[in-house]
Amino acid sequence: MRFVIIVAFILIIASLASALFFMMRDRGTTPNMMRSLMLRVGFSMALFLFILFSNWMGWIHSTGIRMAP
């Protein structure tokens, strides 16, 4: 489970870095920056939905915040 989440975070950061690169290089003349940002949002939503699905399937368990008695 950790591997999937780490890969998703790497994809999100890489997409964000790609958008920065295209913003600096193209100055907004090509749609590459918007495409990279769309991918980042898509990866973020997919990760969120995967975490919700994993919790529903019982693959991960929320422990909550432990409070002292």
N, C-alpha and C. Protein backbone atom coordinates (compact mmCIF):
# COMPACT_ATOMS: atom_id res chain seq x y z
N MET A 1 0.83 -1.19 0.00
CA MET A 1 0.00 0.00 0.00
C MET A 1 0.87 1.25 0.00
N ARG A 2 1.96 1.22 0.74
CA ARG A 2 2.84 2.39 0.79
C ARG A 2 3.43 2.68 -0.59
N PHE A 3 3.76 1.61 -1.30
CA PHE A 3 4.37 1.77 -2.62
C PHE A 3 3.43 2.53 -3.57
N VAL A 4 2.16 2.19 -3.56
CA VAL A 4 1.18 2.84 -4.44
C VAL A 4 1.06 4.32 -4.08
N ILE A 5 1.01 4.63 -2.81
CA ILE A 5 0.86 6.02 -2.38
C ILE A 5 2.13 6.82 -2.68
N ILE A 6 3.30 6.22 -2.49
CA ILE A 6 4.55 6.92 -2.79
C ILE A 6 4.66 7.20 -4.28
N VAL A 7 4.29 6.22 -5.11
CA VAL A 7 4.32 6.42 -6.56
C VAL A 7 3.35 7.52 -6.97
N ALA A 8 2.18 7.55 -6.36
CA ALA A 8 1.20 8.59 -6.68
C ALA A 8 1.74 9.97 -6.30
N PHE A 9 2.37 10.09 -5.14
CA PHE A 9 2.94 11.38 -4.75
C PHE A 9 4.07 11.79 -5.70
N ILE A 10 4.87 10.84 -6.14
CA ILE A 10 5.95 11.16 -7.08
C ILE A 10 5.36 11.65 -8.41
N LEU A 11 4.28 11.01 -8.87
CA LEU A 11 3.63 11.45 -10.10
C LEU A 11 3.05 12.85 -9.96
N ILE A 12 2.48 13.14 -8.80
CA ILE A 12 1.91 14.48 -8.56
C ILE A 12 3.01 15.54 -8.57
N ILE A 13 4.11 15.28 -7.89
CA ILE A 13 5.22 16.24 -7.84
C ILE A 13 5.86 16.39 -9.22
N ALA A 14 6.01 15.28 -9.97
CA ALA A 14 6.60 15.36 -11.31
C ALA A 14 5.71 16.17 -12.24
N SER A 15 4.42 16.01 -12.13
CA SER A 15 3.51 16.77 -12.98
C SER A 15 3.56 18.26 -12.64
N LEU A 16 3.67 18.56 -11.37
CA LEU A 16 3.79 19.96 -10.95
C LEU A 16 5.11 20.57 -11.45
N ALA A 17 6.20 19.80 -11.37
CA ALA A 17 7.48 20.28 -11.88
C ALA A 17 7.43 20.47 -13.39
N SER A 18 6.74 19.58 -14.08
CA SER A 18 6.59 19.71 -15.52
C SER A 18 5.82 20.98 -15.88
N ALA A 19 4.78 21.28 -15.14
CA ALA A 19 4.02 22.51 -15.38
C ALA A 19 4.90 23.73 -15.16
N LEU A 20 5.74 23.71 -14.12
CA LEU A 20 6.65 24.83 -13.88
C LEU A 20 7.64 24.98 -15.03
N PHE A 21 8.16 23.86 -15.51
CA PHE A 21 9.10 23.90 -16.63
C PHE A 21 8.45 24.51 -17.87
N PHE A 22 7.24 24.06 -18.20
CA PHE A 22 6.56 24.59 -19.38
C PHE A 22 6.17 26.06 -19.19
N MET A 23 5.85 26.44 -17.96
CA MET A 23 5.51 27.84 -17.71
C MET A 23 6.73 28.74 -17.95
N MET A 24 7.89 28.29 -17.52
CA MET A 24 9.10 29.09 -17.69
C MET A 24 9.60 29.08 -19.12
N ARG A 25 9.48 27.94 -19.80
CA ARG A 25 10.04 27.83 -21.14
C ARG A 25 9.13 28.43 -22.21
N ASP A 26 7.85 28.09 -22.18
CA ASP A 26 6.94 28.49 -23.25
C ASP A 26 6.24 29.82 -23.00
N ARG A 27 6.23 30.28 -21.78
CA ARG A 27 5.55 31.53 -21.41
C ARG A 27 4.06 31.49 -21.73
N GLY A 28 3.46 30.28 -21.67
CA GLY A 28 2.02 30.17 -21.85
C GLY A 28 1.56 30.15 -23.29
N THR A 29 2.49 29.98 -24.25
CA THR A 29 2.08 29.98 -25.65
C THR A 29 1.58 28.62 -26.12
N THR A 30 1.88 27.55 -25.39
CA THR A 30 1.40 26.21 -25.74
C THR A 30 0.56 25.66 -24.60
N PRO A 31 -0.31 24.70 -24.88
CA PRO A 31 -1.18 24.17 -23.82
C PRO A 31 -0.50 23.13 -22.91
N ASN A 32 0.82 23.00 -22.99
CA ASN A 32 1.51 21.98 -22.19
C ASN A 32 1.39 22.22 -20.69
N MET A 33 1.44 23.47 -20.27
CA MET A 33 1.35 23.77 -18.84
C MET A 33 -0.03 23.38 -18.30
N MET A 34 -1.09 23.73 -19.03
CA MET A 34 -2.43 23.39 -18.58
C MET A 34 -2.64 21.88 -18.56
N ARG A 35 -2.07 21.19 -19.53
CA ARG A 35 -2.18 19.74 -19.57
C ARG A 35 -1.48 19.11 -18.35
N SER A 36 -0.32 19.65 -18.00
CA SER A 36 0.40 19.14 -16.83
C SER A 36 -0.37 19.40 -15.55
N LEU A 37 -0.98 20.57 -15.43
CA LEU A 37 -1.77 20.87 -14.24
C LEU A 37 -3.03 20.01 -14.18
N MET A 38 -3.62 19.73 -15.35
CA MET A 38 -4.79 18.83 -15.38
C MET A 38 -4.39 17.43 -14.91
N LEU A 39 -3.24 16.97 -15.33
CA LEU A 39 -2.77 15.66 -14.88
C LEU A 39 -2.54 15.64 -13.37
N ARG A 40 -1.98 16.73 -12.86
CA ARG A 40 -1.74 16.80 -11.40
C ARG A 40 -3.04 16.72 -10.63
N VAL A 41 -4.05 17.45 -11.07
CA VAL A 41 -5.35 17.39 -10.40
C VAL A 41 -5.96 16.00 -10.53
N GLY A 42 -5.82 15.40 -11.70
CA GLY A 42 -6.33 14.05 -11.90
C GLY A 42 -5.64 13.03 -11.01
N PHE A 43 -4.30 13.13 -10.90
CA PHE A 43 -3.57 12.22 -10.01
C PHE A 43 -3.97 12.42 -8.55
N SER A 44 -4.17 13.67 -8.15
CA SER A 44 -4.56 13.95 -6.77
C SER A 44 -5.94 13.37 -6.46
N MET A 45 -6.88 13.55 -7.39
CA MET A 45 -8.23 13.00 -7.19
C MET A 45 -8.20 11.47 -7.18
N ALA A 46 -7.40 10.88 -8.06
CA ALA A 46 -7.30 9.42 -8.10
C ALA A 46 -6.70 8.89 -6.79
N LEU A 47 -5.70 9.58 -6.26
CA LEU A 47 -5.11 9.15 -4.99
C LEU A 47 -6.13 9.24 -3.86
N PHE A 48 -6.88 10.33 -3.81
CA PHE A 48 -7.89 10.50 -2.77
C PHE A 48 -8.95 9.41 -2.86
N LEU A 49 -9.44 9.14 -4.08
CA LEU A 49 -10.45 8.10 -4.25
C LEU A 49 -9.89 6.72 -3.93
N PHE A 50 -8.62 6.48 -4.26
CA PHE A 50 -8.00 5.20 -3.94
C PHE A 50 -7.89 5.01 -2.43
N ILE A 51 -7.56 6.07 -1.71
CA ILE A 51 -7.46 5.96 -0.25
C ILE A 51 -8.84 5.71 0.35
N LEU A 52 -9.87 6.39 -0.15
CA LEU A 52 -11.23 6.12 0.32
C LEU A 52 -11.65 4.68 0.04
N PHE A 53 -11.36 4.20 -1.17
CA PHE A 53 -11.70 2.83 -1.55
C PHE A 53 -10.94 1.82 -0.70
N SER A 54 -9.67 2.09 -0.43
CA SER A 54 -8.86 1.19 0.39
C SER A 54 -9.40 1.12 1.81
N ASN A 55 -9.85 2.22 2.34
CA ASN A 55 -10.44 2.23 3.67
C ASN A 55 -11.75 1.44 3.68
N TRP A 56 -12.56 1.61 2.63
CA TRP A 56 -13.84 0.90 2.54
C TRP A 56 -13.62 -0.61 2.41
N MET A 57 -12.57 -1.02 1.67
CA MET A 57 -12.28 -2.44 1.48
C MET A 57 -11.58 -3.06 2.69
N GLY A 58 -11.08 -2.23 3.60
CA GLY A 58 -10.41 -2.74 4.78
C GLY A 58 -8.92 -2.97 4.59
N TRP A 59 -8.37 -2.48 3.49
CA TRP A 59 -6.94 -2.64 3.25
C TRP A 59 -6.13 -1.74 4.15
N ILE A 60 -6.68 -0.59 4.54
CA ILE A 60 -6.03 0.30 5.49
C ILE A 60 -7.04 0.59 6.61
N HIS A 61 -6.53 0.95 7.75
CA HIS A 61 -7.39 1.23 8.90
C HIS A 61 -7.03 2.57 9.50
N SER A 62 -8.03 3.37 9.77
CA SER A 62 -7.76 4.64 10.42
C SER A 62 -7.67 4.38 11.92
N THR A 63 -6.66 4.94 12.53
CA THR A 63 -6.46 4.74 13.96
C THR A 63 -7.02 5.88 14.77
N GLY A 64 -7.22 7.01 14.14
CA GLY A 64 -7.74 8.15 14.88
C GLY A 64 -6.68 8.77 15.77
N ILE A 65 -7.10 9.76 16.53
CA ILE A 65 -6.21 10.42 17.46
C ILE A 65 -6.44 9.82 18.83
N ARG A 66 -5.40 9.29 19.40
CA ARG A 66 -5.54 8.69 20.73
C ARG A 66 -5.46 9.77 21.80
N MET A 67 -6.43 9.72 22.69
CA MET A 67 -6.47 10.72 23.76
C MET A 67 -6.19 10.03 25.09
N ALA A 68 -5.49 10.72 25.93
CA ALA A 68 -5.18 10.18 27.25
C ALA A 68 -6.44 10.19 28.11
N PRO A 69 -6.66 9.13 28.89
CA PRO A 69 -7.87 9.11 29.75
C PRO A 69 -7.81 10.11 30.88
